[in-house]
């Protein structure tokens, strides 16, 4: 909204997102012009609004479209919940989840979590599952958690003949138990400003395979706790990395690296940092 003192940028740069996901015709619509004008009022060079970001991922886009001054951009910590678990808790979660899903110990659980299956790349994850060598595919299950409608993705899984290897469980309150029980998180999103689920996975010692379009994918690289697929996305390359990560899961240091990273980095208490900054701006007025 024009005239703000402080703007909390929880979403991606609107112009950049439109450029990535919409056809050129969309830029002629009244809806686009309205959102573009309001975004420009906040980010344009010379504006006075201070911007709170939850990832530096979008900064290059704001600079490209609006030449936003660096002094007005303030990055907050991701703000994930602090998590701790014991080996017995992890074991209990593993046993319970595998029993519920009838997946034997030693079989691979690939976890996909999130609303908005299309934007978060569930089609890419299903195609990756279908691409696995036969024995690896038969020993793996893609577990999908989220409240989005699964219809078109069930059709895709059926067409690729992996409908028996993809389980749609809907929304769940015990997502963290699934993270403790799974072997890896797959999150090949088309576009995502943050990707909090990536960091939540690291707190559970869960290796991550994601795309660089997720703002928090930078943490996966820094932690050395998985693999980030670069843009432009290549499905064959994703498929190769998926198979490699499954095959190397027992010999890799991804789990230990993720736990070490989340224990040592400032990833928490976003609200407290935001309040401190808001009070600072208020005092100057």
Protein backbone atom coordinates (compact mmCIF):
# COMPACT_ATOMS: atom_id res chain seq x y z
CA UNK A 1 0.00 0.00 0.00
CA UNK A 2 1.36 3.45 -0.88
CA UNK A 3 2.45 5.62 2.03
CA UNK A 4 3.59 2.90 4.42
CA UNK A 5 6.40 3.54 6.90
CA UNK A 6 7.25 -0.18 7.11
CA UNK A 7 6.35 -2.99 4.73
CA UNK A 8 6.69 -6.69 5.56
CA UNK A 9 7.62 -8.44 2.31
CA UNK A 10 6.37 -11.97 2.90
CA UNK A 11 5.72 -12.63 -0.78
CA UNK A 12 7.97 -12.60 -3.82
CA UNK A 13 8.52 -9.58 -6.05
CA UNK A 14 5.23 -9.30 -7.94
CA UNK A 15 6.71 -8.16 -11.25
CA UNK A 16 9.34 -10.91 -11.22
CA UNK A 17 6.81 -13.58 -10.26
CA UNK A 18 4.47 -12.45 -13.04
CA UNK A 19 7.34 -12.55 -15.51
CA UNK A 20 8.14 -16.14 -14.50
CA UNK A 21 4.63 -17.58 -14.26
CA UNK A 22 2.33 -15.57 -16.56
CA UNK A 23 2.16 -14.93 -20.27
CA UNK A 24 2.94 -11.50 -21.69
CA UNK A 25 -0.80 -10.85 -22.12
CA UNK A 26 -1.26 -10.70 -18.34
CA UNK A 27 0.71 -7.46 -18.13
CA UNK A 28 -2.10 -5.72 -20.03
CA UNK A 29 -4.69 -6.56 -17.36
CA UNK A 30 -6.05 -4.10 -14.84
CA UNK A 31 -5.14 -6.50 -12.03
CA UNK A 32 -1.46 -6.52 -13.02
CA UNK A 33 -1.27 -2.73 -13.36
CA UNK A 34 -2.85 -2.26 -9.92
CA UNK A 35 -0.43 -4.57 -8.09
CA UNK A 36 2.55 -3.31 -10.06
CA UNK A 37 1.75 0.32 -9.20
CA UNK A 38 1.33 -0.44 -5.50
CA UNK A 39 4.54 -2.46 -5.41
CA UNK A 40 6.35 0.37 -7.17
CA UNK A 41 5.07 2.84 -4.57
CA UNK A 42 6.87 0.81 -1.90
CA UNK A 43 10.07 -0.21 -3.66
CA UNK A 44 10.84 2.58 -6.16
CA UNK A 45 14.07 4.51 -5.77
CA UNK A 46 13.47 7.56 -3.59
CA UNK A 47 10.53 6.12 -1.64
CA UNK A 48 10.74 6.31 2.17
CA UNK A 49 9.24 2.94 3.15
CA UNK A 50 11.51 0.56 5.06
CA UNK A 51 11.13 -3.04 3.93
CA UNK A 52 11.38 -6.09 6.19
CA UNK A 53 12.43 -9.16 4.21
CA UNK A 54 12.49 -12.78 5.33
CA UNK A 55 15.05 -13.73 2.70
CA UNK A 56 17.57 -11.84 0.53
CA UNK A 57 16.45 -14.02 -2.38
CA UNK A 58 14.21 -11.34 -3.91
CA UNK A 59 16.60 -8.39 -3.50
CA UNK A 60 18.09 -8.70 -7.03
CA UNK A 61 14.57 -8.58 -8.49
CA UNK A 62 13.64 -5.46 -6.52
CA UNK A 63 16.87 -3.85 -7.67
CA UNK A 64 16.21 -4.83 -11.28
CA UNK A 65 12.70 -3.39 -11.41
CA UNK A 66 12.88 -0.51 -8.92
CA UNK A 67 16.55 0.22 -8.01
CA UNK A 68 15.58 -0.01 -4.34
CA UNK A 69 18.19 1.50 -2.01
CA UNK A 70 20.06 -1.08 0.06
CA UNK A 71 19.62 1.01 3.23
CA UNK A 72 15.83 0.47 3.09
CA UNK A 73 16.05 -3.34 2.85
CA UNK A 74 16.30 -5.22 6.16
CA UNK A 75 16.52 -9.03 6.28
CA UNK A 76 14.94 -10.81 9.26
CA UNK A 77 15.83 -14.31 10.47
CA UNK A 78 13.68 -17.07 8.90
CA UNK A 79 11.82 -17.49 12.20
CA UNK A 80 11.43 -21.25 12.34
CA UNK A 81 10.42 -23.04 15.52
CA UNK A 82 13.20 -24.38 17.72
CA UNK A 83 13.16 -28.17 17.66
CA UNK A 84 14.95 -30.84 19.62
CA UNK A 85 14.46 -34.59 19.54
CA UNK A 86 16.02 -37.64 21.09
CA UNK A 87 17.00 -40.78 19.26
CA UNK A 88 14.18 -42.64 21.00
CA UNK A 89 11.66 -40.03 19.78
CA UNK A 90 12.99 -40.36 16.26
CA UNK A 91 12.78 -44.13 16.47
CA UNK A 92 9.20 -44.00 17.78
CA UNK A 93 8.17 -41.69 14.94
CA UNK A 94 9.86 -43.93 12.38
CA UNK A 95 8.11 -47.04 13.67
CA UNK A 96 4.69 -45.37 13.91
CA UNK A 97 4.79 -43.77 10.47
CA UNK A 98 6.06 -46.88 8.72
CA UNK A 99 3.43 -49.00 10.46
CA UNK A 100 0.64 -46.58 9.46
CA UNK A 101 1.78 -46.57 5.83
CA UNK A 102 2.76 -50.25 5.69
CA UNK A 103 6.29 -49.35 4.60
CA UNK A 104 8.92 -51.81 5.77
CA UNK A 105 12.10 -50.64 7.45
CA UNK A 106 14.85 -50.19 4.91
CA UNK A 107 12.46 -48.91 2.24
CA UNK A 108 12.86 -45.29 1.18
CA UNK A 109 10.36 -42.60 2.22
CA UNK A 110 10.51 -39.44 0.10
CA UNK A 111 8.51 -36.66 1.73
CA UNK A 112 6.71 -33.79 0.00
CA UNK A 113 5.09 -31.15 2.24
CA UNK A 114 3.06 -28.05 1.47
CA UNK A 115 -0.07 -26.42 0.16
CA UNK A 116 -0.17 -25.35 -3.46
CA UNK A 117 0.96 -28.55 -5.14
CA UNK A 118 1.38 -26.85 -8.52
CA UNK A 119 3.62 -24.00 -7.37
CA UNK A 120 5.64 -26.28 -5.11
CA UNK A 121 6.42 -28.63 -8.00
CA UNK A 122 4.61 -31.84 -7.07
CA UNK A 123 4.44 -32.75 -10.77
CA UNK A 124 8.24 -32.58 -10.89
CA UNK A 125 8.48 -34.79 -7.81
CA UNK A 126 6.14 -37.38 -9.32
CA UNK A 127 8.07 -37.40 -12.60
CA UNK A 128 11.24 -37.88 -10.58
CA UNK A 129 9.72 -40.88 -8.83
CA UNK A 130 8.71 -42.38 -12.19
CA UNK A 131 12.24 -41.91 -13.54
CA UNK A 132 13.96 -43.99 -10.85
CA UNK A 133 15.55 -47.28 -11.90
CA UNK A 134 13.04 -50.09 -11.39
CA UNK A 135 14.47 -51.58 -8.19
CA UNK A 136 15.01 -48.16 -6.64
CA UNK A 137 11.46 -47.16 -7.57
CA UNK A 138 9.98 -50.33 -6.07
CA UNK A 139 11.88 -49.65 -2.84
CA UNK A 140 10.70 -46.02 -2.58
CA UNK A 141 7.45 -44.25 -1.70
CA UNK A 142 6.61 -40.57 -2.23
CA UNK A 143 4.47 -39.39 0.71
CA UNK A 144 2.55 -36.18 0.00
CA UNK A 145 1.28 -34.04 2.90
CA UNK A 146 -0.85 -30.97 2.21
CA UNK A 147 -4.43 -29.75 1.83
CA UNK A 148 -4.37 -29.02 -1.91
CA UNK A 149 -6.61 -30.93 -4.29
CA UNK A 150 -4.69 -33.98 -5.54
CA UNK A 151 -6.85 -34.75 -8.60
CA UNK A 152 -4.56 -33.79 -11.50
CA UNK A 153 -1.50 -35.14 -9.67
CA UNK A 154 -3.16 -38.50 -9.07
CA UNK A 155 -3.92 -38.60 -12.79
CA UNK A 156 -0.25 -37.85 -13.54
CA UNK A 157 0.94 -40.57 -11.15
CA UNK A 158 -1.45 -43.03 -12.77
CA UNK A 159 -0.33 -42.07 -16.28
CA UNK A 160 3.32 -42.54 -15.30
CA UNK A 161 2.44 -45.87 -13.62
CA UNK A 162 3.62 -44.85 -10.14
CA UNK A 163 0.21 -44.41 -8.51
CA UNK A 164 1.10 -47.28 -6.15
CA UNK A 165 4.30 -45.44 -5.16
CA UNK A 166 2.69 -42.06 -4.36
CA UNK A 167 0.57 -41.64 -1.21
CA UNK A 168 -1.65 -38.58 -0.73
CA UNK A 169 -2.37 -38.15 2.99
CA UNK A 170 -3.90 -34.65 3.00
CA UNK A 171 -3.20 -32.16 5.76
CA UNK A 172 -1.60 -33.55 8.92
CA UNK A 173 -0.83 -32.18 12.37
CA UNK A 174 2.09 -34.61 12.84
CA UNK A 175 4.24 -33.37 9.95
CA UNK A 176 7.35 -33.28 12.12
CA UNK A 177 6.96 -36.99 12.90
CA UNK A 178 7.01 -37.65 9.17
CA UNK A 179 10.17 -35.57 8.88
CA UNK A 180 11.81 -37.67 11.59
CA UNK A 181 10.72 -40.85 9.83
CA UNK A 182 11.49 -39.93 6.20
CA UNK A 183 14.76 -40.37 4.30
CA UNK A 184 14.65 -37.09 2.39
CA UNK A 185 12.47 -34.07 1.60
CA UNK A 186 11.77 -33.28 -2.06
CA UNK A 187 10.68 -29.71 -2.78
CA UNK A 188 11.25 -28.86 -6.48
CA UNK A 189 9.21 -25.65 -6.36
CA UNK A 190 8.56 -23.45 -9.39
CA UNK A 191 8.54 -20.30 -7.26
CA UNK A 192 8.69 -19.69 -3.53
CA UNK A 193 9.86 -16.62 -1.68
CA UNK A 194 11.03 -18.61 1.34
CA UNK A 195 10.40 -22.33 1.79
CA UNK A 196 10.21 -22.63 5.57
CA UNK A 197 9.70 -26.38 5.22
CA UNK A 198 13.33 -26.66 4.02
CA UNK A 199 14.67 -25.38 7.34
CA UNK A 200 12.14 -27.39 9.34
CA UNK A 201 13.49 -30.47 7.59
CA UNK A 202 17.05 -29.58 8.61
CA UNK A 203 16.00 -29.38 12.28
CA UNK A 204 14.86 -33.00 11.92
CA UNK A 205 18.11 -34.07 10.27
CA UNK A 206 16.26 -34.63 6.99
CA UNK A 207 18.29 -34.16 3.78
CA UNK A 208 16.68 -31.86 1.21
CA UNK A 209 16.45 -31.85 -2.58
CA UNK A 210 15.06 -28.50 -3.76
CA UNK A 211 15.34 -25.75 -6.38
CA UNK A 212 17.16 -22.43 -6.25
CA UNK A 213 13.85 -20.61 -6.78
CA UNK A 214 13.16 -21.14 -3.05
CA UNK A 215 14.51 -18.27 -0.97
CA UNK A 216 15.71 -20.54 1.83
CA UNK A 217 17.50 -22.92 -0.54
CA UNK A 218 20.64 -20.90 0.21
CA UNK A 219 20.63 -22.52 3.65
CA UNK A 220 20.68 -26.00 2.12
CA UNK A 221 23.86 -25.11 0.25
CA UNK A 222 25.45 -23.42 3.26
CA UNK A 223 24.61 -26.37 5.51
CA UNK A 224 25.73 -28.95 2.91
CA UNK A 225 22.59 -30.83 3.86
CA UNK A 226 21.28 -31.86 0.45
CA UNK A 227 21.25 -30.59 -3.10
CA UNK A 228 19.84 -27.50 -4.83
CA UNK A 229 18.80 -27.75 -8.49
CA UNK A 230 19.87 -24.58 -10.36
CA UNK A 231 17.70 -22.58 -12.75
CA UNK A 232 16.60 -23.08 -15.41
CA UNK A 233 15.11 -26.28 -14.06
CA UNK A 234 16.03 -29.46 -15.92
CA UNK A 235 13.84 -32.46 -15.12
CA UNK A 236 16.47 -34.98 -16.22
CA UNK A 237 19.07 -33.38 -13.97
CA UNK A 238 16.61 -33.42 -11.06
CA UNK A 239 15.93 -37.11 -11.73
CA UNK A 240 19.65 -37.90 -11.65
CA UNK A 241 20.18 -36.06 -8.37
CA UNK A 242 17.14 -37.73 -6.82
CA UNK A 243 18.50 -41.20 -7.59
CA UNK A 244 21.97 -40.21 -6.39
CA UNK A 245 20.71 -38.88 -3.07
CA UNK A 246 18.64 -42.01 -2.41
CA UNK A 247 21.59 -44.26 -3.20
CA UNK A 248 23.98 -42.25 -1.00
CA UNK A 249 21.67 -41.64 1.95
CA UNK A 250 23.43 -44.03 4.31
CA UNK A 251 26.95 -42.85 3.51
CA UNK A 252 26.38 -39.08 3.36
CA UNK A 253 26.86 -36.49 6.11
CA UNK A 254 23.72 -34.55 5.13
CA UNK A 255 21.83 -35.42 8.29
CA UNK A 256 24.63 -34.44 10.68
CA UNK A 257 25.37 -31.30 8.66
CA UNK A 258 21.75 -30.15 8.84
CA UNK A 259 21.52 -30.62 12.60
CA UNK A 260 24.83 -28.84 13.15
CA UNK A 261 23.73 -25.92 10.97
CA UNK A 262 20.38 -25.34 12.67
CA UNK A 263 22.05 -25.49 16.08
CA UNK A 264 24.64 -22.86 15.21
CA UNK A 265 22.82 -20.33 12.98
CA UNK A 266 20.47 -17.45 13.82
CA UNK A 267 17.30 -18.91 12.33
CA UNK A 268 14.84 -18.18 15.13
CA UNK A 269 13.00 -15.36 16.97
CA UNK A 270 11.94 -13.44 13.87
CA UNK A 271 9.10 -11.70 15.72
CA UNK A 272 11.46 -10.28 18.35
CA UNK A 273 13.79 -8.93 15.66
CA UNK A 274 10.84 -7.37 13.81
CA UNK A 275 9.52 -5.69 16.94
CA UNK A 276 12.95 -4.28 17.72
CA UNK A 277 13.21 -2.79 14.23
CA UNK A 278 9.66 -1.36 14.28
CA UNK A 279 10.39 0.35 17.62
CA UNK A 280 13.61 1.76 16.17
CA UNK A 281 11.75 3.30 13.21
CA UNK A 282 9.01 4.58 15.51
CA UNK A 283 11.56 6.40 17.68
CA UNK A 284 12.93 8.25 14.66
CA UNK A 285 9.45 9.64 14.01
